[in-house]
PDB file of N, CA and C in Angstrom:
ATOM      1  N   MET A   1     137.057  50.608  36.529  1.00  0.00           N
ATOM      2  CA  MET A   1     136.659  50.920  35.261  1.00  0.00           C
ATOM      3  C   MET A   1     136.736  52.384  34.919  1.00  0.00           C
ATOM      4  N   LEU A   2     137.141  52.523  33.952  1.00  0.00           N
ATOM      5  CA  LEU A   2     137.419  54.000  33.301  1.00  0.00           C
ATOM      6  C   LEU A   2     136.503  54.241  32.267  1.00  0.00           C
ATOM      7  N   LEU A   3     135.654  55.318  32.386  1.00  0.00           N
ATOM      8  CA  LEU A   3     134.695  55.511  31.594  1.00  0.00           C
ATOM      9  C   LEU A   3     135.088  56.987  30.966  1.00  0.00           C
ATOM     10  N   THR A   4     135.381  56.932  29.608  1.00  0.00           N
ATOM     11  CA  THR A   4     135.877  57.745  28.980  1.00  0.00           C
ATOM     12  C   THR A   4     135.103  58.621  28.183  1.00  0.00           C
ATOM     13  N   GLY A   5     133.986  58.258  27.697  1.00  0.00           N
ATOM     14  CA  GLY A   5     133.144  58.971  27.007  1.00  0.00           C
ATOM     15  C   GLY A   5     133.866  59.401  25.559  1.00  0.00           C
ATOM     16  N   ASP A   6     133.429  60.345  25.150  1.00  0.00           N
ATOM     17  CA  ASP A   6     133.765  60.931  23.653  1.00  0.00           C
ATOM     18  C   ASP A   6     135.152  61.616  23.548  1.00  0.00           C
ATOM     19  N   ILE A   7     135.917  61.246  24.632  1.00  0.00           N
ATOM     20  CA  ILE A   7     137.259  62.097  24.601  1.00  0.00           C
ATOM     21  C   ILE A   7     138.191  61.569  23.377  1.00  0.00           C
ATOM     22  N   GLU A   8     139.042  62.765  22.793  1.00  0.00           N
ATOM     23  CA  GLU A   8     139.937  62.431  21.807  1.00  0.00           C
ATOM     24  C   GLU A   8     141.253  62.411  22.235  1.00  0.00           C
ATOM     25  N   LYS A   9     142.376  62.318  21.126  1.00  0.00           N
ATOM     26  CA  LYS A   9     143.548  62.276  21.782  1.00  0.00           C
ATOM     27  C   LYS A   9     144.231  63.474  22.717  1.00  0.00           C
ATOM     28  N   ALA A  10     143.475  64.735  22.252  1.00  0.00           N
ATOM     29  CA  ALA A  10     143.976  65.831  23.140  1.00  0.00           C
ATOM     30  C   ALA A  10     143.447  65.757  24.518  1.00  0.00           C
ATOM     31  N   ALA A  11     142.342  65.274  24.728  1.00  0.00           N
ATOM     32  CA  ALA A  11     141.875  64.914  26.192  1.00  0.00           C
ATOM     33  C   ALA A  11     142.757  63.722  26.848  1.00  0.00           C
ATOM     34  N   GLU A  12     143.060  62.877  25.958  1.00  0.00           N
ATOM     35  CA  GLU A  12     143.980  61.706  26.555  1.00  0.00           C
ATOM     36  C   GLU A  12     145.275  62.248  27.022  1.00  0.00           C
ATOM     37  N   LYS A  13     145.862  63.146  26.314  1.00  0.00           N
ATOM     38  CA  LYS A  13     147.133  63.937  26.365  1.00  0.00           C
ATOM     39  C   LYS A  13     147.013  64.474  27.900  1.00  0.00           C
ATOM     40  N   ALA A  14     145.726  65.330  28.103  1.00  0.00           N
ATOM     41  CA  ALA A  14     145.439  66.021  29.198  1.00  0.00           C
ATOM     42  C   ALA A  14     145.427  65.124  30.426  1.00  0.00           C
ATOM     43  N   LEU A  15     144.761  64.054  30.393  1.00  0.00           N
ATOM     44  CA  LEU A  15     144.703  63.170  31.489  1.00  0.00           C
ATOM     45  C   LEU A  15     146.136  62.712  31.701  1.00  0.00           C
ATOM     46  N   LEU A  16     147.033  62.255  30.851  1.00  0.00           N
ATOM     47  CA  LEU A  16     148.319  61.750  31.126  1.00  0.00           C
ATOM     48  C   LEU A  16     149.139  62.867  31.911  1.00  0.00           C
ATOM     49  N   LEU A  17     148.936  64.159  31.650  1.00  0.00           N
ATOM     50  CA  LEU A  17     149.791  65.099  32.118  1.00  0.00           C
ATOM     51  C   LEU A  17     149.114  65.360  33.513  1.00  0.00           C
ATOM     52  N   GLN A  18     147.756  65.386  33.543  1.00  0.00           N
ATOM     53  CA  GLN A  18     147.339  65.751  34.971  1.00  0.00           C
ATOM     54  C   GLN A  18     147.206  64.668  36.073  1.00  0.00           C
ATOM     55  N   ALA A  19     147.025  63.395  35.686  1.00  0.00           N
ATOM     56  CA  ALA A  19     146.685  62.444  36.650  1.00  0.00           C
ATOM     57  C   ALA A  19     146.984  60.966  36.291  1.00  0.00           C
ATOM     58  N   PRO A  20     148.255  60.922  35.454  1.00  0.00           N
ATOM     59  CA  PRO A  20     148.599  59.421  35.040  1.00  0.00           C
ATOM     60  C   PRO A  20     148.571  58.207  36.097  1.00  0.00           C
ATOM     61  N   SER A  21     148.962  58.496  37.344  1.00  0.00           N
ATOM     62  CA  SER A  21     148.753  57.331  38.127  1.00  0.00           C
ATOM     63  C   SER A  21     147.549  57.057  38.589  1.00  0.00           C
ATOM     64  N   LEU A  22     146.456  57.902  38.315  1.00  0.00           N
ATOM     65  CA  LEU A  22     144.972  57.513  38.565  1.00  0.00           C
ATOM     66  C   LEU A  22     144.069  56.834  37.443  1.00  0.00           C
ATOM     67  N   LEU A  23     144.949  56.645  36.437  1.00  0.00           N
ATOM     68  CA  LEU A  23     144.402  56.104  34.911  1.00  0.00           C
ATOM     69  C   LEU A  23     144.233  54.674  34.809  1.00  0.00           C
ATOM     70  N   GLN A  24     144.752  54.040  35.844  1.00  0.00           N
ATOM     71  CA  GLN A  24     144.749  52.241  35.594  1.00  0.00           C
ATOM     72  C   GLN A  24     143.686  51.808  36.113  1.00  0.00           C
ATOM     73  N   ALA A  25     142.904  51.061  35.323  1.00  0.00           N
ATOM     74  CA  ALA A  25     141.910  50.468  35.302  1.00  0.00           C
ATOM     75  C   ALA A  25     142.024  49.163  34.526  1.00  0.00           C
ATOM     76  N   THR A  26     141.043  47.863  35.195  1.00  0.00           N
ATOM     77  CA  THR A  26     141.168  46.744  34.728  1.00  0.00           C
ATOM     78  C   THR A  26     140.087  46.709  33.222  1.00  0.00           C
ATOM     79  N   ILE A  27     138.978  47.531  33.419  1.00  0.00           N
ATOM     80  CA  ILE A  27     138.102  47.703  32.324  1.00  0.00           C
ATOM     81  C   ILE A  27     138.218  49.098  31.782  1.00  0.00           C
ATOM     82  N   LEU A  28     138.349  49.163  30.535  1.00  0.00           N
ATOM     83  CA  LEU A  28     138.342  50.389  29.931  1.00  0.00           C
ATOM     84  C   LEU A  28     137.225  50.539  28.916  1.00  0.00           C
ATOM     85  N   ILE A  29     136.278  51.653  28.987  1.00  0.00           N
ATOM     86  CA  ILE A  29     135.397  51.783  27.997  1.00  0.00           C
ATOM     87  C   ILE A  29     136.374  52.414  26.857  1.00  0.00           C
ATOM     88  N   ALA A  30     136.273  52.213  25.708  1.00  0.00           N
ATOM     89  CA  ALA A  30     136.958  52.618  24.447  1.00  0.00           C
ATOM     90  C   ALA A  30     136.783  54.439  24.372  1.00  0.00           C
ATOM     91  N   PRO A  31     137.839  55.011  24.471  1.00  0.00           N
ATOM     92  CA  PRO A  31     137.508  56.586  24.306  1.00  0.00           C
ATOM     93  C   PRO A  31     136.912  56.656  22.596  1.00  0.00           C
ATOM     94  N   HIS A  32     135.776  57.407  22.786  1.00  0.00           N
ATOM     95  CA  HIS A  32     135.206  57.880  21.367  1.00  0.00           C
ATOM     96  C   HIS A  32     134.718  56.618  20.626  1.00  0.00           C
ATOM     97  N   HIS A  33     134.351  55.470  21.231  1.00  0.00           N
ATOM     98  CA  HIS A  33     133.849  54.307  20.546  1.00  0.00           C
ATOM     99  C   HIS A  33     134.905  53.437  19.926  1.00  0.00           C
ATOM    100  N   GLY A  34     136.306  53.951  20.381  1.00  0.00           N
ATOM    101  CA  GLY A  34     137.288  53.375  19.343  1.00  0.00           C
ATOM    102  C   GLY A  34     137.571  54.038  17.883  1.00  0.00           C
ATOM    103  N   SER A  35     137.229  55.142  17.854  1.00  0.00           N
ATOM    104  CA  SER A  35     137.393  55.978  16.774  1.00  0.00           C
ATOM    105  C   SER A  35     139.059  56.294  16.310  1.00  0.00           C
ATOM    106  N   LYS A  36     139.462  56.573  15.250  1.00  0.00           N
ATOM    107  CA  LYS A  36     140.890  56.916  14.977  1.00  0.00           C
ATOM    108  C   LYS A  36     141.250  58.096  15.538  1.00  0.00           C
ATOM    109  N   THR A  37     140.440  58.950  16.344  1.00  0.00           N
ATOM    110  CA  THR A  37     140.761  60.247  16.802  1.00  0.00           C
ATOM    111  C   THR A  37     141.211  59.862  18.221  1.00  0.00           C
ATOM    112  N   SER A  38     141.100  58.763  18.789  1.00  0.00           N
ATOM    113  CA  SER A  38     141.388  58.561  20.087  1.00  0.00           C
ATOM    114  C   SER A  38     142.494  57.133  19.944  1.00  0.00           C
ATOM    115  N   GLY A  39     142.913  56.806  21.329  1.00  0.00           N
ATOM    116  CA  GLY A  39     143.794  55.714  21.316  1.00  0.00           C
ATOM    117  C   GLY A  39     145.124  55.752  21.399  1.00  0.00           C
ATOM    118  N   LEU A  40     145.451  56.794  22.024  1.00  0.00           N
ATOM    119  CA  LEU A  40     146.940  57.061  22.126  1.00  0.00           C
ATOM    120  C   LEU A  40     147.826  55.962  22.753  1.00  0.00           C
ATOM    121  N   PRO A  41     148.820  55.718  22.168  1.00  0.00           N
ATOM    122  CA  PRO A  41     149.568  54.354  22.671  1.00  0.00           C
ATOM    123  C   PRO A  41     149.926  54.818  24.422  1.00  0.00           C
ATOM    124  N   ALA A  42     150.530  56.037  24.509  1.00  0.00           N
ATOM    125  CA  ALA A  42     150.931  56.319  25.977  1.00  0.00           C
ATOM    126  C   ALA A  42     149.487  55.921  26.846  1.00  0.00           C
ATOM    127  N   PHE A  43     148.288  56.563  26.435  1.00  0.00           N
ATOM    128  CA  PHE A  43     147.079  56.434  27.041  1.00  0.00           C
ATOM    129  C   PHE A  43     146.815  55.065  27.488  1.00  0.00           C
ATOM    130  N   ILE A  44     146.682  54.220  26.579  1.00  0.00           N
ATOM    131  CA  ILE A  44     146.589  52.994  26.663  1.00  0.00           C
ATOM    132  C   ILE A  44     147.480  52.126  27.591  1.00  0.00           C
ATOM    133  N   GLN A  45     148.756  52.415  27.385  1.00  0.00           N
ATOM    134  CA  GLN A  45     149.977  52.016  28.208  1.00  0.00           C
ATOM    135  C   GLN A  45     149.419  52.324  29.687  1.00  0.00           C
ATOM    136  N   SER A  46     149.138  53.608  30.185  1.00  0.00           N
ATOM    137  CA  SER A  46     148.930  54.165  31.302  1.00  0.00           C
ATOM    138  C   SER A  46     147.844  53.611  31.785  1.00  0.00           C
ATOM    139  N   VAL A  47     146.654  53.269  31.260  1.00  0.00           N
ATOM    140  CA  VAL A  47     145.450  52.550  31.946  1.00  0.00           C
ATOM    141  C   VAL A  47     145.906  50.954  31.860  1.00  0.00           C
ATOM    142  N   HIS A  48     146.492  50.594  31.222  1.00  0.00           N
ATOM    143  CA  HIS A  48     146.998  49.152  31.277  1.00  0.00           C
ATOM    144  C   HIS A  48     145.827  48.112  31.582  1.00  0.00           C
ATOM    145  N   PRO A  49     144.771  48.240  30.657  1.00  0.00           N
ATOM    146  CA  PRO A  49     143.599  47.666  30.896  1.00  0.00           C
ATOM    147  C   PRO A  49     143.821  46.032  30.494  1.00  0.00           C
ATOM    148  N   ALA A  50     142.817  45.192  31.338  1.00  0.00           N
ATOM    149  CA  ALA A  50     142.569  43.721  30.756  1.00  0.00           C
ATOM    150  C   ALA A  50     141.678  43.756  29.852  1.00  0.00           C
ATOM    151  N   TYR A  51     140.638  44.442  29.844  1.00  0.00           N
ATOM    152  CA  TYR A  51     139.533  44.678  28.928  1.00  0.00           C
ATOM    153  C   TYR A  51     139.226  45.855  28.288  1.00  0.00           C
ATOM    154  N   VAL A  52     139.017  46.021  26.984  1.00  0.00           N
ATOM    155  CA  VAL A  52     138.685  47.328  26.464  1.00  0.00           C
ATOM    156  C   VAL A  52     137.115  46.964  25.809  1.00  0.00           C
ATOM    157  N   LEU A  53     136.238  47.735  26.006  1.00  0.00           N
ATOM    158  CA  LEU A  53     134.875  47.732  25.601  1.00  0.00           C
ATOM    159  C   LEU A  53     134.616  48.834  24.418  1.00  0.00           C
ATOM    160  N   TYR A  54     134.219  48.517  23.353  1.00  0.00           N
ATOM    161  CA  TYR A  54     133.777  49.301  22.168  1.00  0.00           C
ATOM    162  C   TYR A  54     132.368  49.519  22.440  1.00  0.00           C
ATOM    163  N   ALA A  55     131.690  50.418  22.499  1.00  0.00           N
ATOM    164  CA  ALA A  55     130.217  50.761  22.688  1.00  0.00           C
ATOM    165  C   ALA A  55     129.732  51.159  21.207  1.00  0.00           C
ATOM    166  N   THR A  56     129.449  50.315  20.514  1.00  0.00           N
ATOM    167  CA  THR A  56     129.023  50.507  18.967  1.00  0.00           C
ATOM    168  C   THR A  56     127.846  49.953  18.691  1.00  0.00           C
ATOM    169  N   GLY A  57     127.004  50.357  17.557  1.00  0.00           N
ATOM    170  CA  GLY A  57     125.690  49.947  17.441  1.00  0.00           C
ATOM    171  C   GLY A  57     125.952  48.965  16.227  1.00  0.00           C
ATOM    172  N   TYR A  58     124.928  48.092  15.834  1.00  0.00           N
ATOM    173  CA  TYR A  58     125.030  47.134  14.671  1.00  0.00           C
ATOM    174  C   TYR A  58     125.154  47.860  13.550  1.00  0.00           C
ATOM    175  N   ARG A  59     126.085  47.602  12.653  1.00  0.00           N
ATOM    176  CA  ARG A  59     126.222  48.170  11.587  1.00  0.00           C
ATOM    177  C   ARG A  59     126.468  49.666  11.560  1.00  0.00           C
ATOM    178  N   ASN A  60     127.235  50.054  12.565  1.00  0.00           N
ATOM    179  CA  ASN A  60     127.307  51.643  12.670  1.00  0.00           C
ATOM    180  C   ASN A  60     128.055  52.092  11.475  1.00  0.00           C
ATOM    181  N   ARG A  61     127.675  53.391  11.131  1.00  0.00           N
ATOM    182  CA  ARG A  61     127.924  54.014   9.880  1.00  0.00           C
ATOM    183  C   ARG A  61     129.414  54.283   9.856  1.00  0.00           C
ATOM    184  N   TYR A  62     129.973  54.592  11.182  1.00  0.00           N
ATOM    185  CA  TYR A  62     131.420  55.138  11.333  1.00  0.00           C
ATOM    186  C   TYR A  62     132.385  53.994  11.194  1.00  0.00           C
ATOM    187  N   HIS A  63     131.847  52.554  11.195  1.00  0.00           N
ATOM    188  CA  HIS A  63     132.701  51.472  11.232  1.00  0.00           C
ATOM    189  C   HIS A  63     133.772  51.476  12.390  1.00  0.00           C
ATOM    190  N   PHE A  64     133.146  51.785  13.590  1.00  0.00           N
ATOM    191  CA  PHE A  64     134.023  51.729  14.896  1.00  0.00           C
ATOM    192  C   PHE A  64     134.098  50.344  15.241  1.00  0.00           C
ATOM    193  N   PRO A  65     135.017  49.769  15.903  1.00  0.00           N
ATOM    194  CA  PRO A  65     136.285  50.660  16.110  1.00  0.00           C
ATOM    195  C   PRO A  65     137.081  50.614  14.985  1.00  0.00           C
ATOM    196  N   HIS A  66     138.053  51.605  14.819  1.00  0.00           N
ATOM    197  CA  HIS A  66     138.874  51.611  13.826  1.00  0.00           C
ATOM    198  C   HIS A  66     140.176  50.790  13.782  1.00  0.00           C
ATOM    199  N   PRO A  67     140.556  49.983  12.851  1.00  0.00           N
ATOM    200  CA  PRO A  67     141.578  49.111  12.674  1.00  0.00           C
ATOM    201  C   PRO A  67     142.836  49.575  13.378  1.00  0.00           C
ATOM    202  N   THR A  68     143.283  50.773  13.400  1.00  0.00           N
ATOM    203  CA  THR A  68     144.498  51.214  13.795  1.00  0.00           C
ATOM    204  C   THR A  68     144.474  51.045  15.479  1.00  0.00           C
ATOM    205  N   VAL A  69     143.146  51.519  15.856  1.00  0.00           N
ATOM    206  CA  VAL A  69     142.939  51.471  17.412  1.00  0.00           C
ATOM    207  C   VAL A  69     142.768  50.162  17.883  1.00  0.00           C
ATOM    208  N   VAL A  70     142.301  49.325  17.213  1.00  0.00           N
ATOM    209  CA  VAL A  70     142.231  47.814  17.472  1.00  0.00           C
ATOM    210  C   VAL A  70     143.548  47.265  17.569  1.00  0.00           C
ATOM    211  N   ALA A  71     144.492  47.576  16.645  1.00  0.00           N
ATOM    212  CA  ALA A  71     145.721  47.188  16.811  1.00  0.00           C
ATOM    213  C   ALA A  71     146.646  47.610  17.901  1.00  0.00           C
ATOM    214  N   GLN A  72     146.316  48.858  18.287  1.00  0.00           N
ATOM    215  CA  GLN A  72     147.103  49.293  19.455  1.00  0.00           C
ATOM    216  C   GLN A  72     146.688  48.282  20.936  1.00  0.00           C
ATOM    217  N   TYR A  73     145.389  47.882  21.064  1.00  0.00           N
ATOM    218  CA  TYR A  73     145.096  47.112  22.144  1.00  0.00           C
ATOM    219  C   TYR A  73     145.585  45.583  21.677  1.00  0.00           C
ATOM    220  N   GLN A  74     145.546  45.250  20.696  1.00  0.00           N
ATOM    221  CA  GLN A  74     146.115  43.884  20.255  1.00  0.00           C
ATOM    222  C   GLN A  74     147.511  43.906  20.584  1.00  0.00           C
ATOM    223  N   ALA A  75     148.369  44.825  20.318  1.00  0.00           N
ATOM    224  CA  ALA A  75     149.612  44.813  20.536  1.00  0.00           C
ATOM    225  C   ALA A  75     150.075  44.477  22.298  1.00  0.00           C
ATOM    226  N   ARG A  76     148.913  44.860  22.949  1.00  0.00           N
ATOM    227  CA  ARG A  76     149.082  44.949  24.493  1.00  0.00           C
ATOM    228  C   ARG A  76     148.516  43.847  24.947  1.00  0.00           C
ATOM    229  N   HIS A  77     147.964  42.914  24.031  1.00  0.00           N
ATOM    230  CA  HIS A  77     147.157  41.628  24.645  1.00  0.00           C
ATOM    231  C   HIS A  77     145.844  41.961  25.471  1.00  0.00           C
ATOM    232  N   VAL A  78     145.225  43.309  25.139  1.00  0.00           N
ATOM    233  CA  VAL A  78     144.060  43.478  25.938  1.00  0.00           C
ATOM    234  C   VAL A  78     142.896  42.788  25.312  1.00  0.00           C
ATOM    235  N   ILE A  79     142.044  42.178  26.050  1.00  0.00           N
ATOM    236  CA  ILE A  79     140.739  41.452  25.542  1.00  0.00           C
ATOM    237  C   ILE A  79     139.822  42.665  25.120  1.00  0.00           C
ATOM    238  N   GLN A  80     139.396  42.400  23.853  1.00  0.00           N
ATOM    239  CA  GLN A  80     138.470  43.419  23.143  1.00  0.00           C
ATOM    240  C   GLN A  80     137.135  42.826  23.010  1.00  0.00           C
ATOM    241  N   LEU A  81     136.229  43.705  23.469  1.00  0.00           N
ATOM    242  CA  LEU A  81     134.752  43.225  23.397  1.00  0.00           C
ATOM    243  C   LEU A  81     134.139  44.459  22.725  1.00  0.00           C
ATOM    244  N   ASN A  82     133.177  44.072  21.749  1.00  0.00           N
ATOM    245  CA  ASN A  82     132.430  45.070  21.115  1.00  0.00           C
ATOM    246  C   ASN A  82     130.884  44.862  21.104  1.00  0.00           C
ATOM    247  N   THR A  83     130.274  45.860  21.696  1.00  0.00           N
ATOM    248  CA  THR A  83     128.576  45.603  21.728  1.00  0.00           C
ATOM    249  C   THR A  83     127.872  45.398  20.364  1.00  0.00           C
ATOM    250  N   GLU A  84     128.410  45.925  19.371  1.00  0.00           N
ATOM    251  CA  GLU A  84     127.854  45.437  18.226  1.00  0.00           C
ATOM    252  C   GLU A  84     127.707  43.853  17.932  1.00  0.00           C
ATOM    253  N   LYS A  85     128.741  43.086  18.624  1.00  0.00           N
ATOM    254  CA  LYS A  85     128.763  41.698  18.230  1.00  0.00           C
ATOM    255  C   LYS A  85     128.317  40.944  19.433  1.00  0.00           C
ATOM    256  N   THR A  86     128.611  41.457  20.599  1.00  0.00           N
ATOM    257  CA  THR A  86     128.229  40.760  21.870  1.00  0.00           C
ATOM    258  C   THR A  86     127.005  41.329  22.369  1.00  0.00           C
ATOM    259  N   GLY A  87     126.272  42.195  22.190  1.00  0.00           N
ATOM    260  CA  GLY A  87     125.132  43.025  23.013  1.00  0.00           C
ATOM    261  C   GLY A  87     125.512  43.194  24.171  1.00  0.00           C
ATOM    262  N   GLN A  88     124.874  43.343  25.148  1.00  0.00           N
ATOM    263  CA  GLN A  88     125.043  43.597  26.650  1.00  0.00           C
ATOM    264  C   GLN A  88     126.299  43.053  27.090  1.00  0.00           C
ATOM    265  N   ILE A  89     127.265  43.621  27.906  1.00  0.00           N
ATOM    266  CA  ILE A  89     128.312  42.831  28.568  1.00  0.00           C
ATOM    267  C   ILE A  89     128.243  43.072  30.065  1.00  0.00           C
ATOM    268  N   ASP A  90     128.299  41.984  30.643  1.00  0.00           N
ATOM    269  CA  ASP A  90     128.070  41.977  32.358  1.00  0.00           C
ATOM    270  C   ASP A  90     129.457  41.605  32.729  1.00  0.00           C
ATOM    271  N   PHE A  91     129.899  42.385  33.822  1.00  0.00           N
ATOM    272  CA  PHE A  91     130.934  41.974  34.468  1.00  0.00           C
ATOM    273  C   PHE A  91     130.597  42.086  35.966  1.00  0.00           C
ATOM    274  N   ARG A  92     131.020  41.049  36.815  1.00  0.00           N
ATOM    275  CA  ARG A  92     130.603  40.827  38.241  1.00  0.00           C
ATOM    276  C   ARG A  92     131.842  40.701  39.012  1.00  0.00           C
ATOM    277  N   LEU A  93     131.562  41.120  40.096  1.00  0.00           N
ATOM    278  CA  LEU A  93     132.759  41.049  41.219  1.00  0.00           C
ATOM    279  C   LEU A  93     132.483  40.114  42.401  1.00  0.00           C
ATOM    280  N   ASN A  94     133.114  39.118  42.756  1.00  0.00           N
ATOM    281  CA  ASN A  94     132.852  38.561  44.074  1.00  0.00           C
ATOM    282  C   ASN A  94     133.041  39.255  45.353  1.00  0.00           C
ATOM    283  N   ARG A  95     132.598  38.698  46.527  1.00  0.00           N
ATOM    284  CA  ARG A  95     132.667  39.433  47.749  1.00  0.00           C
ATOM    285  C   ARG A  95     134.159  40.095  47.981  1.00  0.00           C
ATOM    286  N   GLU A  96     135.315  39.271  47.321  1.00  0.00           N
ATOM    287  CA  GLU A  96     136.548  39.477  47.541  1.00  0.00           C
ATOM    288  C   GLU A  96     137.010  40.555  46.594  1.00  0.00           C
ATOM    289  N   GLY A  97     136.271  40.974  45.839  1.00  0.00           N
ATOM    290  CA  GLY A  97     136.502  41.896  44.732  1.00  0.00           C
ATOM    291  C   GLY A  97     137.088  41.478  43.490  1.00  0.00           C
ATOM    292  N   LEU A  98     137.230  40.152  43.361  1.00  0.00           N
ATOM    293  CA  LEU A  98     137.739  39.472  42.124  1.00  0.00           C
ATOM    294  C   LEU A  98     136.962  39.541  41.047  1.00  0.00           C
ATOM    295  N   LEU A  99     137.289  39.889  40.085  1.00  0.00           N
ATOM    296  CA  LEU A  99     136.492  40.085  38.825  1.00  0.00           C
ATOM    297  C   LEU A  99     136.279  38.710  38.182  1.00  0.00           C
ATOM    298  N   HIS A 100     134.817  38.432  37.849  1.00  0.00           N
ATOM    299  CA  HIS A 100     134.618  37.070  36.805  1.00  0.00           C
ATOM    300  C   HIS A 100     134.854  37.695  35.377  1.00  0.00           C
ATOM    301  N   PRO A 101     134.979  36.580  34.670  1.00  0.00           N
ATOM    302  CA  PRO A 101     135.110  36.862  33.240  1.00  0.00           C
ATOM    303  C   PRO A 101     133.733  37.216  32.575  1.00  0.00           C
ATOM    304  N   PRO A 102     133.698  38.348  31.789  1.00  0.00           N
ATOM    305  CA  PRO A 102     132.624  38.982  31.146  1.00  0.00           C
ATOM    306  C   PRO A 102     131.306  37.769  30.735  1.00  0.00           C
ATOM    307  N   GLN A 103     130.267  38.229  30.934  1.00  0.00           N
ATOM    308  CA  GLN A 103     129.086  37.570  30.193  1.00  0.00           C
ATOM    309  C   GLN A 103     128.533  38.482  29.149  1.00  0.00           C
ATOM    310  N   CYS A 104     128.277  37.948  28.032  1.00  0.00           N
ATOM    311  CA  CYS A 104     127.891  38.638  26.862  1.00  0.00           C
ATOM    312  C   CYS A 104     126.523  38.379  26.484  1.00  0.00           C
ATOM    313  N   TYR A 105     125.541  39.038  26.513  1.00  0.00           N
ATOM    314  CA  TYR A 105     124.287  38.788  26.549  1.00  0.00           C
ATOM    315  C   TYR A 105     124.035  37.861  25.062  1.00  0.00           C
ATOM    316  N   ARG A 106     124.373  37.977  24.058  1.00  0.00           N
ATOM    317  CA  ARG A 106     124.210  37.222  22.868  1.00  0.00           C
ATOM    318  C   ARG A 106     124.539  36.060  22.900  1.00  0.00           C
ATOM    319  N   GLN A 107     125.850  35.768  23.745  1.00  0.00           N
ATOM    320  CA  GLN A 107     126.313  34.508  23.923  1.00  0.00           C
ATOM    321  C   GLN A 107     125.289  33.553  24.588  1.00  0.00           C
ATOM    322  N   GLY A 108     124.711  34.123  25.633  1.00  0.00           N
ATOM    323  CA  GLY A 108     123.628  33.306  26.382  1.00  0.00           C
ATOM    324  C   GLY A 108     122.330  33.322  26.048  1.00  0.00           C
ATOM    325  N   HIS A 109     121.875  34.393  25.085  1.00  0.00           N
ATOM    326  CA  HIS A 109     120.665  34.506  24.398  1.00  0.00           C
ATOM    327  C   HIS A 109     120.629  34.583  23.042  1.00  0.00           C
ATOM    328  N   PRO A 110     120.891  33.405  22.225  1.00  0.00           N
ATOM    329  CA  PRO A 110     121.080  33.402  20.884  1.00  0.00           C
ATOM    330  C   PRO A 110     119.760  33.713  20.162  1.00  0.00           C
ATOM    331  N   HIS A 111     119.707  34.025  19.030  1.00  0.00           N
ATOM    332  CA  HIS A 111     118.420  34.424  18.352  1.00  0.00           C
ATOM    333  C   HIS A 111     117.729  32.781  18.245  1.00  0.00           C
ATOM    334  N   TYR A 112     116.522  32.784  18.008  1.00  0.00           N
ATOM    335  CA  TYR A 112     115.885  31.494  18.164  1.00  0.00           C
ATOM    336  C   TYR A 112     116.265  30.744  16.632  1.00  0.00           C
ATOM    337  N   TRP A 113     116.733  31.321  15.805  1.00  0.00           N
ATOM    338  CA  TRP A 113     117.030  30.509  14.447  1.00  0.00           C
ATOM    339  C   TRP A 113     118.334  29.903  14.697  1.00  0.00           C
ATOM    340  N   PHE A 114     119.037  30.070  15.907  1.00  0.00           N
ATOM    341  CA  PHE A 114     120.146  29.365  15.992  1.00  0.00           C
ATOM    342  C   PHE A 114     119.748  28.058  16.785  1.00  0.00           C
ATOM    343  N   ASN A 115     118.679  27.988  17.493  1.00  0.00           N
ATOM    344  CA  ASN A 115     118.631  26.789  18.263  1.00  0.00           C
ATOM    345  C   ASN A 115     116.996  26.878  18.403  1.00  0.00           C
ATOM    346  N   LYS A 116     116.465  26.352  17.105  1.00  0.00           N
ATOM    347  CA  LYS A 116     114.999  26.280  17.156  1.00  0.00           C
ATOM    348  C   LYS A 116     114.418  25.375  18.194  1.00  0.00           C
ATOM    349  N   GLU A 117     115.006  24.152  18.701  1.00  0.00           N
ATOM    350  CA  GLU A 117     114.492  23.302  19.642  1.00  0.00           C
ATOM    351  C   GLU A 117     114.135  24.074  20.915  1.00  0.00           C
ATOM    352  N   LEU A 118     114.641  25.194  21.395  1.00  0.00           N
ATOM    353  CA  LEU A 118     114.193  26.019  22.496  1.00  0.00           C
ATOM    354  C   LEU A 118     112.931  26.621  22.310  1.00  0.00           C
ATOM    355  N   TYR A 119     112.529  26.783  21.032  1.00  0.00           N
ATOM    356  CA  TYR A 119     111.221  27.731  20.740  1.00  0.00           C
ATOM    357  C   TYR A 119     110.187  27.045  20.435  1.00  0.00           C
ATOM    358  N   PHE A 120     110.162  26.065  19.844  1.00  0.00           N
ATOM    359  CA  PHE A 120     109.117  25.355  19.214  1.00  0.00           C
ATOM    360  C   PHE A 120     108.865  23.813  19.896  1.00  0.00           C
ATOM    361  N   ILE A 121     107.406  23.714  19.992  1.00  0.00           N
ATOM    362  CA  ILE A 121     106.992  22.396  20.473  1.00  0.00           C
ATOM    363  C   ILE A 121     106.549  21.547  19.244  1.00  0.00           C
ATOM    364  N   ARG A 122     107.263  20.391  19.649  1.00  0.00           N
ATOM    365  CA  ARG A 122     107.016  19.276  18.576  1.00  0.00           C
ATOM    366  C   ARG A 122     105.972  18.266  18.750  1.00  0.00           C
TER     367      ARG A 122
END
C-alpha cells in the first residue's frame, strides 16, 4: 500500500526520479484525494496499482476526484473506490499474504430505509 498524502505532481515527479523501483503497490491512496493537481500518468504507471482509493467526504466542495484523474486510472483498468460512496474500505490479507477483495462499509451496512425489515418488528 502506498500512502501518498496531499502530494501533487511536483512530488510525484520527485518520487519518480528518486525511487521509481520502490513505488509499485497493489493499493494506492490517491495523491491529494484525486485532485487535478496530482495524477501524473508516469507516476500511476510506475505504481501500477490494482486499486486506487479516493479519500473524500460526502458532497465534498472540491468535487474530488477530478474527472481527468479518474480517466487516468480507468485507462489503466485500475479498480477505483471512493469513500464518499463506499464509506470505510477494508482490505484483508490471508496468512499466505494474498489480498482478499475489499469490503465496503456501506455495502454491508445499508441505511435502514433501504431494508426496513431488519429494523422494525411487526
